[in-house]
Amino acid sequence: MPGGRTHNCAKHPLADWQGIEGDRRRLALDAYPPKPFDFAALAHQLGVSDAHLRRLFRTAHGRTPRRYLLECRLQQAATLLRTTSDRVESIAADTGFPSSARFGRAVHAVMGMTPSGYRA
């Protein structure tokens, strides 16, 4: 991502966490982007508190779960903008943004341009 840390969104963010093992880690894959992400439900599935899971996440990844998810979605969207001629509205929906307006604001905030400008 321009101006930020790079990370591999294809590898699930819980894959290397200590203290959460085996099958319990894989439950998180069901809620992974572009689907809506319910962190409290994930914490419940893993048998830890929401606050503890958020602390573990921030320690492991240097960013909040919300920021990490936004970066993953934007990384996926950037690839689609560069490699397809899909409509911006479709890319927004396919990468988990609730609206094309919110997608446009997120792209502009991180990349400094509109989705159409990024594509050009």
PDB file of N, CA and C in Angstrom:
ATOM      1  N   MET A   1       0.841  -1.166   0.000  1.00  0.00           N
ATOM      2  CA  MET A   1       0.000   0.000   0.000  1.00  0.00           C
ATOM      3  C   MET A   1       0.892   1.237   0.000  1.00  0.00           C
ATOM      4  N   PRO A   2       0.561   2.238  -0.782  1.00  0.00           N
ATOM      5  CA  PRO A   2       1.359   3.440  -0.804  1.00  0.00           C
ATOM      6  C   PRO A   2       1.397   4.086   0.570  1.00  0.00           C
ATOM      7  N   GLY A   3       2.575   4.471   1.031  1.00  0.00           N
ATOM      8  CA  GLY A   3       2.733   5.183   2.280  1.00  0.00           C
ATOM      9  C   GLY A   3       2.524   4.361   3.535  1.00  0.00           C
ATOM     10  N   GLY A   4       2.359   3.071   3.439  1.00  0.00           N
ATOM     11  CA  GLY A   4       2.119   2.268   4.633  1.00  0.00           C
ATOM     12  C   GLY A   4       2.923   0.999   4.615  1.00  0.00           C
ATOM     13  N   ARG A   5       2.745   0.238   5.656  1.00  0.00           N
ATOM     14  CA  ARG A   5       3.416  -1.053   5.722  1.00  0.00           C
ATOM     15  C   ARG A   5       2.787  -2.001   4.723  1.00  0.00           C
ATOM     16  N   THR A   6       3.583  -2.907   4.232  1.00  0.00           N
ATOM     17  CA  THR A   6       3.022  -3.917   3.349  1.00  0.00           C
ATOM     18  C   THR A   6       2.751  -5.172   4.167  1.00  0.00           C
ATOM     19  N   HIS A   7       1.798  -5.921   3.739  1.00  0.00           N
ATOM     20  CA  HIS A   7       1.463  -7.180   4.393  1.00  0.00           C
ATOM     21  C   HIS A   7       0.775  -8.072   3.382  1.00  0.00           C
ATOM     22  N   ASN A   8       0.726  -9.313   3.700  1.00  0.00           N
ATOM     23  CA  ASN A   8       0.112 -10.279   2.800  1.00  0.00           C
ATOM     24  C   ASN A   8      -1.286 -10.585   3.302  1.00  0.00           C
ATOM     25  N   CYS A   9      -2.287 -10.029   2.655  1.00  0.00           N
ATOM     26  CA  CYS A   9      -3.671 -10.251   3.073  1.00  0.00           C
ATOM     27  C   CYS A   9      -4.145 -11.655   2.759  1.00  0.00           C
ATOM     28  N   ALA A  10      -3.440 -12.336   1.859  1.00  0.00           N
ATOM     29  CA  ALA A  10      -3.841 -13.701   1.524  1.00  0.00           C
ATOM     30  C   ALA A  10      -3.583 -14.635   2.704  1.00  0.00           C
ATOM     31  N   LYS A  11      -2.615 -14.301   3.528  1.00  0.00           N
ATOM     32  CA  LYS A  11      -2.339 -15.095   4.726  1.00  0.00           C
ATOM     33  C   LYS A  11      -3.190 -14.521   5.841  1.00  0.00           C
ATOM     34  N   HIS A  12      -3.973 -15.343   6.469  1.00  0.00           N
ATOM     35  CA  HIS A  12      -4.883 -14.852   7.482  1.00  0.00           C
ATOM     36  C   HIS A  12      -4.115 -14.244   8.651  1.00  0.00           C
ATOM     37  N   PRO A  13      -4.593 -13.108   9.189  1.00  0.00           N
ATOM     38  CA  PRO A  13      -3.863 -12.422  10.252  1.00  0.00           C
ATOM     39  C   PRO A  13      -3.745 -13.200  11.552  1.00  0.00           C
ATOM     40  N   LEU A  14      -4.528 -14.242  11.745  1.00  0.00           N
ATOM     41  CA  LEU A  14      -4.421 -15.017  12.976  1.00  0.00           C
ATOM     42  C   LEU A  14      -3.489 -16.211  12.840  1.00  0.00           C
ATOM     43  N   ALA A  15      -2.926 -16.415  11.661  1.00  0.00           N
ATOM     44  CA  ALA A  15      -2.165 -17.626  11.384  1.00  0.00           C
ATOM     45  C   ALA A  15      -0.970 -17.822  12.313  1.00  0.00           C
ATOM     46  N   ASP A  16      -0.322 -16.764  12.745  1.00  0.00           N
ATOM     47  CA  ASP A  16       0.890 -16.905  13.547  1.00  0.00           C
ATOM     48  C   ASP A  16       0.719 -16.519  15.016  1.00  0.00           C
ATOM     49  N   TRP A  17      -0.483 -16.253  15.443  1.00  0.00           N
ATOM     50  CA  TRP A  17      -0.666 -15.806  16.819  1.00  0.00           C
ATOM     51  C   TRP A  17      -0.358 -16.921  17.795  1.00  0.00           C
ATOM     52  N   GLN A  18       0.350 -16.560  18.844  1.00  0.00           N
ATOM     53  CA  GLN A  18       0.582 -17.521  19.919  1.00  0.00           C
ATOM     54  C   GLN A  18      -0.593 -17.416  20.883  1.00  0.00           C
ATOM     55  N   GLY A  19      -0.933 -18.503  21.487  1.00  0.00           N
ATOM     56  CA  GLY A  19      -2.018 -18.504  22.459  1.00  0.00           C
ATOM     57  C   GLY A  19      -3.367 -18.889  21.874  1.00  0.00           C
ATOM     58  N   ILE A  20      -3.475 -18.949  20.569  1.00  0.00           N
ATOM     59  CA  ILE A  20      -4.703 -19.392  19.927  1.00  0.00           C
ATOM     60  C   ILE A  20      -4.278 -20.471  18.956  1.00  0.00           C
ATOM     61  N   GLU A  21      -4.756 -21.681  19.151  1.00  0.00           N
ATOM     62  CA  GLU A  21      -4.187 -22.782  18.381  1.00  0.00           C
ATOM     63  C   GLU A  21      -5.164 -23.479  17.446  1.00  0.00           C
ATOM     64  N   GLY A  22      -4.560 -24.211  16.515  1.00  0.00           N
ATOM     65  CA  GLY A  22      -5.236 -25.183  15.657  1.00  0.00           C
ATOM     66  C   GLY A  22      -6.527 -24.752  15.015  1.00  0.00           C
ATOM     67  N   ASP A  23      -7.552 -25.593  15.184  1.00  0.00           N
ATOM     68  CA  ASP A  23      -8.834 -25.384  14.530  1.00  0.00           C
ATOM     69  C   ASP A  23      -9.496 -24.082  14.961  1.00  0.00           C
ATOM     70  N   ARG A  24      -9.236 -23.645  16.182  1.00  0.00           N
ATOM     71  CA  ARG A  24      -9.856 -22.422  16.671  1.00  0.00           C
ATOM     72  C   ARG A  24      -9.413 -21.226  15.835  1.00  0.00           C
ATOM     73  N   ARG A  25      -8.162 -21.226  15.360  1.00  0.00           N
ATOM     74  CA  ARG A  25      -7.676 -20.147  14.497  1.00  0.00           C
ATOM     75  C   ARG A  25      -8.428 -20.119  13.181  1.00  0.00           C
ATOM     76  N   ARG A  26      -8.683 -21.304  12.638  1.00  0.00           N
ATOM     77  CA  ARG A  26      -9.301 -21.390  11.321  1.00  0.00           C
ATOM     78  C   ARG A  26     -10.748 -20.903  11.311  1.00  0.00           C
ATOM     79  N   LEU A  27     -11.398 -20.849  12.471  1.00  0.00           N
ATOM     80  CA  LEU A  27     -12.765 -20.324  12.517  1.00  0.00           C
ATOM     81  C   LEU A  27     -12.816 -18.895  11.991  1.00  0.00           C
ATOM     82  N   ALA A  28     -11.736 -18.161  12.140  1.00  0.00           N
ATOM     83  CA  ALA A  28     -11.689 -16.774  11.698  1.00  0.00           C
ATOM     84  C   ALA A  28     -11.802 -16.655  10.186  1.00  0.00           C
ATOM     85  N   LEU A  29     -11.411 -17.668   9.447  1.00  0.00           N
ATOM     86  CA  LEU A  29     -11.447 -17.594   7.988  1.00  0.00           C
ATOM     87  C   LEU A  29     -12.854 -17.380   7.463  1.00  0.00           C
ATOM     88  N   ASP A  30     -13.862 -17.856   8.188  1.00  0.00           N
ATOM     89  CA  ASP A  30     -15.247 -17.707   7.744  1.00  0.00           C
ATOM     90  C   ASP A  30     -15.680 -16.247   7.690  1.00  0.00           C
ATOM     91  N   ALA A  31     -15.061 -15.394   8.482  1.00  0.00           N
ATOM     92  CA  ALA A  31     -15.474 -13.992   8.554  1.00  0.00           C
ATOM     93  C   ALA A  31     -14.487 -13.073   7.845  1.00  0.00           C
ATOM     94  N   TYR A  32     -13.638 -13.627   7.017  1.00  0.00           N
ATOM     95  CA  TYR A  32     -12.585 -12.834   6.392  1.00  0.00           C
ATOM     96  C   TYR A  32     -13.090 -12.087   5.163  1.00  0.00           C
ATOM     97  N   PRO A  33     -12.430 -10.954   4.791  1.00  0.00           N
ATOM     98  CA  PRO A  33     -12.946 -10.105   3.710  1.00  0.00           C
ATOM     99  C   PRO A  33     -13.180 -10.876   2.433  1.00  0.00           C
ATOM    100  N   PRO A  34     -14.109 -10.437   1.620  1.00  0.00           N
ATOM    101  CA  PRO A  34     -14.847  -9.179   1.723  1.00  0.00           C
ATOM    102  C   PRO A  34     -16.129  -9.249   2.548  1.00  0.00           C
ATOM    103  N   LYS A  35     -16.345 -10.314   3.246  1.00  0.00           N
ATOM    104  CA  LYS A  35     -17.539 -10.417   4.081  1.00  0.00           C
ATOM    105  C   LYS A  35     -17.440  -9.447   5.258  1.00  0.00           C
ATOM    106  N   PRO A  36     -18.584  -9.048   5.824  1.00  0.00           N
ATOM    107  CA  PRO A  36     -18.538  -8.224   7.042  1.00  0.00           C
ATOM    108  C   PRO A  36     -17.784  -8.972   8.135  1.00  0.00           C
ATOM    109  N   PHE A  37     -17.026  -8.260   8.915  1.00  0.00           N
ATOM    110  CA  PHE A  37     -16.180  -8.873   9.929  1.00  0.00           C
ATOM    111  C   PHE A  37     -16.710  -8.539  11.309  1.00  0.00           C
ATOM    112  N   ASP A  38     -17.115  -9.539  12.072  1.00  0.00           N
ATOM    113  CA  ASP A  38     -17.634  -9.363  13.424  1.00  0.00           C
ATOM    114  C   ASP A  38     -16.564  -9.829  14.405  1.00  0.00           C
ATOM    115  N   PHE A  39     -15.762  -8.888  14.885  1.00  0.00           N
ATOM    116  CA  PHE A  39     -14.635  -9.231  15.737  1.00  0.00           C
ATOM    117  C   PHE A  39     -15.090  -9.800  17.078  1.00  0.00           C
ATOM    118  N   ALA A  40     -16.193  -9.299  17.610  1.00  0.00           N
ATOM    119  CA  ALA A  40     -16.703  -9.814  18.884  1.00  0.00           C
ATOM    120  C   ALA A  40     -17.118 -11.278  18.749  1.00  0.00           C
ATOM    121  N   ALA A  41     -17.751 -11.625  17.631  1.00  0.00           N
ATOM    122  CA  ALA A  41     -18.144 -13.015  17.405  1.00  0.00           C
ATOM    123  C   ALA A  41     -16.912 -13.900  17.252  1.00  0.00           C
ATOM    124  N   LEU A  42     -15.905 -13.400  16.585  1.00  0.00           N
ATOM    125  CA  LEU A  42     -14.661 -14.154  16.442  1.00  0.00           C
ATOM    126  C   LEU A  42     -14.028 -14.407  17.805  1.00  0.00           C
ATOM    127  N   ALA A  43     -13.977 -13.383  18.635  1.00  0.00           N
ATOM    128  CA  ALA A  43     -13.414 -13.540  19.982  1.00  0.00           C
ATOM    129  C   ALA A  43     -14.187 -14.605  20.754  1.00  0.00           C
ATOM    130  N   HIS A  44     -15.506 -14.574  20.644  1.00  0.00           N
ATOM    131  CA  HIS A  44     -16.337 -15.572  21.316  1.00  0.00           C
ATOM    132  C   HIS A  44     -16.020 -16.984  20.805  1.00  0.00           C
ATOM    133  N   GLN A  45     -15.898 -17.139  19.471  1.00  0.00           N
ATOM    134  CA  GLN A  45     -15.581 -18.446  18.889  1.00  0.00           C
ATOM    135  C   GLN A  45     -14.229 -18.954  19.380  1.00  0.00           C
ATOM    136  N   LEU A  46     -13.299 -18.044  19.576  1.00  0.00           N
ATOM    137  CA  LEU A  46     -11.948 -18.433  20.000  1.00  0.00           C
ATOM    138  C   LEU A  46     -11.828 -18.575  21.517  1.00  0.00           C
ATOM    139  N   GLY A  47     -12.868 -18.184  22.241  1.00  0.00           N
ATOM    140  CA  GLY A  47     -12.870 -18.341  23.686  1.00  0.00           C
ATOM    141  C   GLY A  47     -12.043 -17.306  24.419  1.00  0.00           C
ATOM    142  N   VAL A  48     -11.901 -16.116  23.839  1.00  0.00           N
ATOM    143  CA  VAL A  48     -11.178 -15.032  24.500  1.00  0.00           C
ATOM    144  C   VAL A  48     -12.050 -13.789  24.467  1.00  0.00           C
ATOM    145  N   SER A  49     -11.717 -12.797  25.282  1.00  0.00           N
ATOM    146  CA  SER A  49     -12.500 -11.562  25.275  1.00  0.00           C
ATOM    147  C   SER A  49     -12.178 -10.746  24.030  1.00  0.00           C
ATOM    148  N   ASP A  50     -13.123  -9.931  23.652  1.00  0.00           N
ATOM    149  CA  ASP A  50     -12.963  -9.043  22.503  1.00  0.00           C
ATOM    150  C   ASP A  50     -11.742  -8.133  22.710  1.00  0.00           C
ATOM    151  N   ALA A  51     -11.631  -7.539  23.889  1.00  0.00           N
ATOM    152  CA  ALA A  51     -10.514  -6.629  24.171  1.00  0.00           C
ATOM    153  C   ALA A  51      -9.167  -7.363  24.091  1.00  0.00           C
ATOM    154  N   HIS A  52      -9.114  -8.583  24.614  1.00  0.00           N
ATOM    155  CA  HIS A  52      -7.864  -9.346  24.576  1.00  0.00           C
ATOM    156  C   HIS A  52      -7.473  -9.691  23.134  1.00  0.00           C
ATOM    157  N   LEU A  53      -8.452 -10.093  22.335  1.00  0.00           N
ATOM    158  CA  LEU A  53      -8.168 -10.423  20.946  1.00  0.00           C
ATOM    159  C   LEU A  53      -7.701  -9.188  20.178  1.00  0.00           C
ATOM    160  N   ARG A  54      -8.309  -8.042  20.443  1.00  0.00           N
ATOM    161  CA  ARG A  54      -7.880  -6.801  19.785  1.00  0.00           C
ATOM    162  C   ARG A  54      -6.455  -6.432  20.195  1.00  0.00           C
ATOM    163  N   ARG A  55      -6.115  -6.622  21.473  1.00  0.00           N
ATOM    164  CA  ARG A  55      -4.737  -6.357  21.920  1.00  0.00           C
ATOM    165  C   ARG A  55      -3.750  -7.297  21.245  1.00  0.00           C
ATOM    166  N   LEU A  56      -4.095  -8.584  21.177  1.00  0.00           N
ATOM    167  CA  LEU A  56      -3.229  -9.548  20.496  1.00  0.00           C
ATOM    168  C   LEU A  56      -3.025  -9.155  19.037  1.00  0.00           C
ATOM    169  N   PHE A  57      -4.108  -8.760  18.400  1.00  0.00           N
ATOM    170  CA  PHE A  57      -4.043  -8.386  16.992  1.00  0.00           C
ATOM    171  C   PHE A  57      -3.128  -7.185  16.806  1.00  0.00           C
ATOM    172  N   ARG A  58      -3.340  -6.159  17.602  1.00  0.00           N
ATOM    173  CA  ARG A  58      -2.535  -4.941  17.466  1.00  0.00           C
ATOM    174  C   ARG A  58      -1.063  -5.223  17.758  1.00  0.00           C
ATOM    175  N   THR A  59      -0.787  -6.049  18.733  1.00  0.00           N
ATOM    176  CA  THR A  59       0.599  -6.423  19.039  1.00  0.00           C
ATOM    177  C   THR A  59       1.215  -7.182  17.876  1.00  0.00           C
ATOM    178  N   ALA A  60       0.475  -8.109  17.305  1.00  0.00           N
ATOM    179  CA  ALA A  60       1.003  -8.945  16.229  1.00  0.00           C
ATOM    180  C   ALA A  60       1.150  -8.191  14.911  1.00  0.00           C
ATOM    181  N   HIS A  61       0.280  -7.211  14.662  1.00  0.00           N
ATOM    182  CA  HIS A  61       0.236  -6.589  13.337  1.00  0.00           C
ATOM    183  C   HIS A  61       0.497  -5.097  13.317  1.00  0.00           C
ATOM    184  N   GLY A  62       0.640  -4.470  14.482  1.00  0.00           N
ATOM    185  CA  GLY A  62       0.965  -3.056  14.528  1.00  0.00           C
ATOM    186  C   GLY A  62      -0.148  -2.134  14.064  1.00  0.00           C
ATOM    187  N   ARG A  63      -1.341  -2.629  14.003  1.00  0.00           N
ATOM    188  CA  ARG A  63      -2.500  -1.829  13.584  1.00  0.00           C
ATOM    189  C   ARG A  63      -3.751  -2.476  14.158  1.00  0.00           C
ATOM    190  N   THR A  64      -4.814  -1.716  14.180  1.00  0.00           N
ATOM    191  CA  THR A  64      -6.070  -2.255  14.691  1.00  0.00           C
ATOM    192  C   THR A  64      -6.657  -3.237  13.680  1.00  0.00           C
ATOM    193  N   PRO A  65      -7.524  -4.119  14.132  1.00  0.00           N
ATOM    194  CA  PRO A  65      -8.183  -5.033  13.190  1.00  0.00           C
ATOM    195  C   PRO A  65      -8.938  -4.278  12.090  1.00  0.00           C
ATOM    196  N   ARG A  66      -9.589  -3.194  12.447  1.00  0.00           N
ATOM    197  CA  ARG A  66     -10.337  -2.409  11.453  1.00  0.00           C
ATOM    198  C   ARG A  66      -9.401  -1.849  10.383  1.00  0.00           C
ATOM    199  N   ARG A  67      -8.259  -1.312  10.802  1.00  0.00           N
ATOM    200  CA  ARG A  67      -7.298  -0.760   9.845  1.00  0.00           C
ATOM    201  C   ARG A  67      -6.731  -1.868   8.959  1.00  0.00           C
ATOM    202  N   TYR A  68      -6.413  -2.997   9.559  1.00  0.00           N
ATOM    203  CA  TYR A  68      -5.885  -4.130   8.792  1.00  0.00           C
ATOM    204  C   TYR A  68      -6.890  -4.566   7.727  1.00  0.00           C
ATOM    205  N   LEU A  69      -8.150  -4.681   8.112  1.00  0.00           N
ATOM    206  CA  LEU A  69      -9.187  -5.094   7.175  1.00  0.00           C
ATOM    207  C   LEU A  69      -9.336  -4.066   6.054  1.00  0.00           C
ATOM    208  N   LEU A  70      -9.301  -2.779   6.399  1.00  0.00           N
ATOM    209  CA  LEU A  70      -9.380  -1.732   5.386  1.00  0.00           C
ATOM    210  C   LEU A  70      -8.215  -1.845   4.409  1.00  0.00           C
ATOM    211  N   GLU A  71      -7.008  -2.059   4.918  1.00  0.00           N
ATOM    212  CA  GLU A  71      -5.841  -2.192   4.050  1.00  0.00           C
ATOM    213  C   GLU A  71      -5.954  -3.408   3.130  1.00  0.00           C
ATOM    214  N   CYS A  72      -6.447  -4.507   3.655  1.00  0.00           N
ATOM    215  CA  CYS A  72      -6.638  -5.703   2.822  1.00  0.00           C
ATOM    216  C   CYS A  72      -7.656  -5.447   1.725  1.00  0.00           C
ATOM    217  N   ARG A  73      -8.761  -4.825   2.086  1.00  0.00           N
ATOM    218  CA  ARG A  73      -9.794  -4.532   1.094  1.00  0.00           C
ATOM    219  C   ARG A  73      -9.273  -3.576   0.028  1.00  0.00           C
ATOM    220  N   LEU A  74      -8.516  -2.569   0.450  1.00  0.00           N
ATOM    221  CA  LEU A  74      -7.969  -1.618  -0.523  1.00  0.00           C
ATOM    222  C   LEU A  74      -6.917  -2.269  -1.411  1.00  0.00           C
ATOM    223  N   GLN A  75      -6.148  -3.181  -0.854  1.00  0.00           N
ATOM    224  CA  GLN A  75      -5.158  -3.901  -1.661  1.00  0.00           C
ATOM    225  C   GLN A  75      -5.860  -4.739  -2.737  1.00  0.00           C
ATOM    226  N   GLN A  76      -6.922  -5.422  -2.353  1.00  0.00           N
ATOM    227  CA  GLN A  76      -7.703  -6.206  -3.311  1.00  0.00           C
ATOM    228  C   GLN A  76      -8.333  -5.297  -4.357  1.00  0.00           C
ATOM    229  N   ALA A  77      -8.873  -4.164  -3.916  1.00  0.00           N
ATOM    230  CA  ALA A  77      -9.509  -3.224  -4.831  1.00  0.00           C
ATOM    231  C   ALA A  77      -8.494  -2.640  -5.809  1.00  0.00           C
ATOM    232  N   ALA A  78      -7.307  -2.310  -5.330  1.00  0.00           N
ATOM    233  CA  ALA A  78      -6.270  -1.747  -6.205  1.00  0.00           C
ATOM    234  C   ALA A  78      -5.919  -2.738  -7.308  1.00  0.00           C
ATOM    235  N   THR A  79      -5.821  -4.001  -6.958  1.00  0.00           N
ATOM    236  CA  THR A  79      -5.538  -5.027  -7.968  1.00  0.00           C
ATOM    237  C   THR A  79      -6.661  -5.082  -9.003  1.00  0.00           C
ATOM    238  N   LEU A  80      -7.900  -5.056  -8.541  1.00  0.00           N
ATOM    239  CA  LEU A  80      -9.034  -5.098  -9.471  1.00  0.00           C
ATOM    240  C   LEU A  80      -9.095  -3.848 -10.350  1.00  0.00           C
ATOM    241  N   LEU A  81      -8.788  -2.695  -9.775  1.00  0.00           N
ATOM    242  CA  LEU A  81      -8.794  -1.463 -10.566  1.00  0.00           C
ATOM    243  C   LEU A  81      -7.731  -1.503 -11.658  1.00  0.00           C
ATOM    244  N   ARG A  82      -6.569  -2.080 -11.344  1.00  0.00           N
ATOM    245  CA  ARG A  82      -5.472  -2.155 -12.321  1.00  0.00           C
ATOM    246  C   ARG A  82      -5.693  -3.227 -13.378  1.00  0.00           C
ATOM    247  N   THR A  83      -6.357  -4.313 -13.018  1.00  0.00           N
ATOM    248  CA  THR A  83      -6.370  -5.483 -13.904  1.00  0.00           C
ATOM    249  C   THR A  83      -7.710  -5.793 -14.556  1.00  0.00           C
ATOM    250  N   THR A  84      -8.754  -5.053 -14.189  1.00  0.00           N
ATOM    251  CA  THR A  84     -10.067  -5.324 -14.786  1.00  0.00           C
ATOM    252  C   THR A  84     -10.681  -4.022 -15.292  1.00  0.00           C
ATOM    253  N   SER A  85     -11.732  -4.163 -16.043  1.00  0.00           N
ATOM    254  CA  SER A  85     -12.497  -2.985 -16.454  1.00  0.00           C
ATOM    255  C   SER A  85     -13.840  -2.954 -15.719  1.00  0.00           C
ATOM    256  N   ASP A  86     -13.926  -3.685 -14.611  1.00  0.00           N
ATOM    257  CA  ASP A  86     -15.158  -3.715 -13.818  1.00  0.00           C
ATOM    258  C   ASP A  86     -15.509  -2.305 -13.349  1.00  0.00           C
ATOM    259  N   ARG A  87     -16.791  -2.061 -13.201  1.00  0.00           N
ATOM    260  CA  ARG A  87     -17.245  -0.762 -12.695  1.00  0.00           C
ATOM    261  C   ARG A  87     -16.764  -0.557 -11.269  1.00  0.00           C
ATOM    262  N   VAL A  88     -16.501   0.687 -10.929  1.00  0.00           N
ATOM    263  CA  VAL A  88     -16.038   1.027  -9.581  1.00  0.00           C
ATOM    264  C   VAL A  88     -17.045   0.543  -8.541  1.00  0.00           C
ATOM    265  N   GLU A  89     -18.320   0.670  -8.824  1.00  0.00           N
ATOM    266  CA  GLU A  89     -19.363   0.226  -7.890  1.00  0.00           C
ATOM    267  C   GLU A  89     -19.269  -1.281  -7.638  1.00  0.00           C
ATOM    268  N   SER A  90     -18.980  -2.038  -8.688  1.00  0.00           N
ATOM    269  CA  SER A  90     -18.841  -3.492  -8.543  1.00  0.00           C
ATOM    270  C   SER A  90     -17.610  -3.846  -7.725  1.00  0.00           C
ATOM    271  N   ILE A  91     -16.522  -3.149  -7.972  1.00  0.00           N
ATOM    272  CA  ILE A  91     -15.294  -3.412  -7.207  1.00  0.00           C
ATOM    273  C   ILE A  91     -15.518  -3.069  -5.741  1.00  0.00           C
ATOM    274  N   ALA A  92     -16.195  -1.975  -5.483  1.00  0.00           N
ATOM    275  CA  ALA A  92     -16.497  -1.598  -4.091  1.00  0.00           C
ATOM    276  C   ALA A  92     -17.277  -2.714  -3.400  1.00  0.00           C
ATOM    277  N   ALA A  93     -18.305  -3.200  -4.045  1.00  0.00           N
ATOM    278  CA  ALA A  93     -19.126  -4.268  -3.454  1.00  0.00           C
ATOM    279  C   ALA A  93     -18.338  -5.564  -3.317  1.00  0.00           C
ATOM    280  N   ASP A  94     -17.538  -5.899  -4.320  1.00  0.00           N
ATOM    281  CA  ASP A  94     -16.772  -7.149  -4.309  1.00  0.00           C
ATOM    282  C   ASP A  94     -15.688  -7.171  -3.236  1.00  0.00           C
ATOM    283  N   THR A  95     -15.250  -6.005  -2.799  1.00  0.00           N
ATOM    284  CA  THR A  95     -14.188  -5.949  -1.792  1.00  0.00           C
ATOM    285  C   THR A  95     -14.709  -5.579  -0.409  1.00  0.00           C
ATOM    286  N   GLY A  96     -16.031  -5.581  -0.252  1.00  0.00           N
ATOM    287  CA  GLY A  96     -16.610  -5.452   1.084  1.00  0.00           C
ATOM    288  C   GLY A  96     -16.948  -4.047   1.535  1.00  0.00           C
ATOM    289  N   PHE A  97     -16.942  -3.069   0.641  1.00  0.00           N
ATOM    290  CA  PHE A  97     -17.331  -1.719   1.037  1.00  0.00           C
ATOM    291  C   PHE A  97     -18.851  -1.595   0.950  1.00  0.00           C
ATOM    292  N   PRO A  98     -19.472  -0.923   1.912  1.00  0.00           N
ATOM    293  CA  PRO A  98     -20.928  -0.841   1.931  1.00  0.00           C
ATOM    294  C   PRO A  98     -21.507   0.052   0.827  1.00  0.00           C
ATOM    295  N   SER A  99     -20.678   0.945   0.276  1.00  0.00           N
ATOM    296  CA  SER A  99     -21.158   1.812  -0.802  1.00  0.00           C
ATOM    297  C   SER A  99     -19.969   2.271  -1.636  1.00  0.00           C
ATOM    298  N   SER A 100     -20.260   2.702  -2.860  1.00  0.00           N
ATOM    299  CA  SER A 100     -19.182   3.203  -3.700  1.00  0.00           C
ATOM    300  C   SER A 100     -18.661   4.540  -3.169  1.00  0.00           C
ATOM    301  N   ALA A 101     -19.520   5.310  -2.489  1.00  0.00           N
ATOM    302  CA  ALA A 101     -19.072   6.577  -1.902  1.00  0.00           C
ATOM    303  C   ALA A 101     -18.047   6.330  -0.789  1.00  0.00           C
ATOM    304  N   ARG A 102     -18.331   5.366   0.069  1.00  0.00           N
ATOM    305  CA  ARG A 102     -17.384   5.054   1.143  1.00  0.00           C
ATOM    306  C   ARG A 102     -16.094   4.490   0.568  1.00  0.00           C
ATOM    307  N   PHE A 103     -16.207   3.676  -0.463  1.00  0.00           N
ATOM    308  CA  PHE A 103     -15.037   3.142  -1.158  1.00  0.00           C
ATOM    309  C   PHE A 103     -14.196   4.282  -1.731  1.00  0.00           C
ATOM    310  N   GLY A 104     -14.843   5.221  -2.399  1.00  0.00           N
ATOM    311  CA  GLY A 104     -14.125   6.349  -2.982  1.00  0.00           C
ATOM    312  C   GLY A 104     -13.395   7.173  -1.940  1.00  0.00           C
ATOM    313  N   ARG A 105     -14.038   7.405  -0.792  1.00  0.00           N
ATOM    314  CA  ARG A 105     -13.384   8.166   0.284  1.00  0.00           C
ATOM    315  C   ARG A 105     -12.179   7.405   0.832  1.00  0.00           C
ATOM    316  N   ALA A 106     -12.319   6.101   0.985  1.00  0.00           N
ATOM    317  CA  ALA A 106     -11.207   5.293   1.517  1.00  0.00           C
ATOM    318  C   ALA A 106     -10.032   5.278   0.545  1.00  0.00           C
ATOM    319  N   VAL A 107     -10.311   5.100  -0.738  1.00  0.00           N
ATOM    320  CA  VAL A 107      -9.244   5.099  -1.745  1.00  0.00           C
ATOM    321  C   VAL A 107      -8.552   6.454  -1.756  1.00  0.00           C
ATOM    322  N   HIS A 108      -9.325   7.519  -1.728  1.00  0.00           N
ATOM    323  CA  HIS A 108      -8.739   8.856  -1.764  1.00  0.00           C
ATOM    324  C   HIS A 108      -7.889   9.122  -0.526  1.00  0.00           C
ATOM    325  N   ALA A 109      -8.362   8.704   0.637  1.00  0.00           N
ATOM    326  CA  ALA A 109      -7.622   8.934   1.879  1.00  0.00           C
ATOM    327  C   ALA A 109      -6.280   8.204   1.888  1.00  0.00           C
ATOM    328  N   VAL A 110      -6.244   7.007   1.344  1.00  0.00           N
ATOM    329  CA  VAL A 110      -5.022   6.198   1.383  1.00  0.00           C
ATOM    330  C   VAL A 110      -4.134   6.437   0.167  1.00  0.00           C
ATOM    331  N   MET A 111      -4.724   6.551  -1.002  1.00  0.00           N
ATOM    332  CA  MET A 111      -3.951   6.632  -2.238  1.00  0.00           C
ATOM    333  C   MET A 111      -3.833   8.044  -2.807  1.00  0.00           C
ATOM    334  N   GLY A 112      -4.605   8.979  -2.241  1.00  0.00           N
ATOM    335  CA  GLY A 112      -4.515  10.361  -2.678  1.00  0.00           C
ATOM    336  C   GLY A 112      -5.197  10.650  -3.995  1.00  0.00           C
ATOM    337  N   MET A 113      -6.060   9.766  -4.457  1.00  0.00           N
ATOM    338  CA  MET A 113      -6.797   9.971  -5.705  1.00  0.00           C
ATOM    339  C   MET A 113      -8.067   9.153  -5.684  1.00  0.00           C
ATOM    340  N   THR A 114      -8.923   9.435  -6.630  1.00  0.00           N
ATOM    341  CA  THR A 114     -10.180   8.697  -6.738  1.00  0.00           C
ATOM    342  C   THR A 114      -9.896   7.304  -7.325  1.00  0.00           C
ATOM    343  N   PRO A 115     -10.830   6.375  -7.179  1.00  0.00           N
ATOM    344  CA  PRO A 115     -10.649   5.066  -7.807  1.00  0.00           C
ATOM    345  C   PRO A 115     -10.431   5.171  -9.329  1.00  0.00           C
ATOM    346  N   SER A 116     -11.197   6.035  -9.987  1.00  0.00           N
ATOM    347  CA  SER A 116     -11.028   6.212 -11.436  1.00  0.00           C
ATOM    348  C   SER A 116      -9.657   6.797 -11.755  1.00  0.00           C
ATOM    349  N   GLY A 117      -9.202   7.722 -10.940  1.00  0.00           N
ATOM    350  CA  GLY A 117      -7.865   8.297 -11.144  1.00  0.00           C
ATOM    351  C   GLY A 117      -6.774   7.286 -10.924  1.00  0.00           C
ATOM    352  N   TYR A 118      -6.958   6.396  -9.959  1.00  0.00           N
ATOM    353  CA  TYR A 118      -5.982   5.336  -9.706  1.00  0.00           C
ATOM    354  C   TYR A 118      -5.913   4.396 -10.904  1.00  0.00           C
ATOM    355  N   ARG A 119      -7.049   4.130 -11.482  1.00  0.00           N
ATOM    356  CA  ARG A 119      -7.128   3.209 -12.616  1.00  0.00           C
ATOM    357  C   ARG A 119      -6.431   3.789 -13.842  1.00  0.00           C
ATOM    358  N   ALA A 120      -6.496   5.093 -14.030  1.00  0.00           N
ATOM    359  CA  ALA A 120      -5.975   5.724 -15.257  1.00  0.00           C
ATOM    360  C   ALA A 120      -4.486   5.677 -15.406  1.00  0.00           C
TER     361      ALA A 120
END
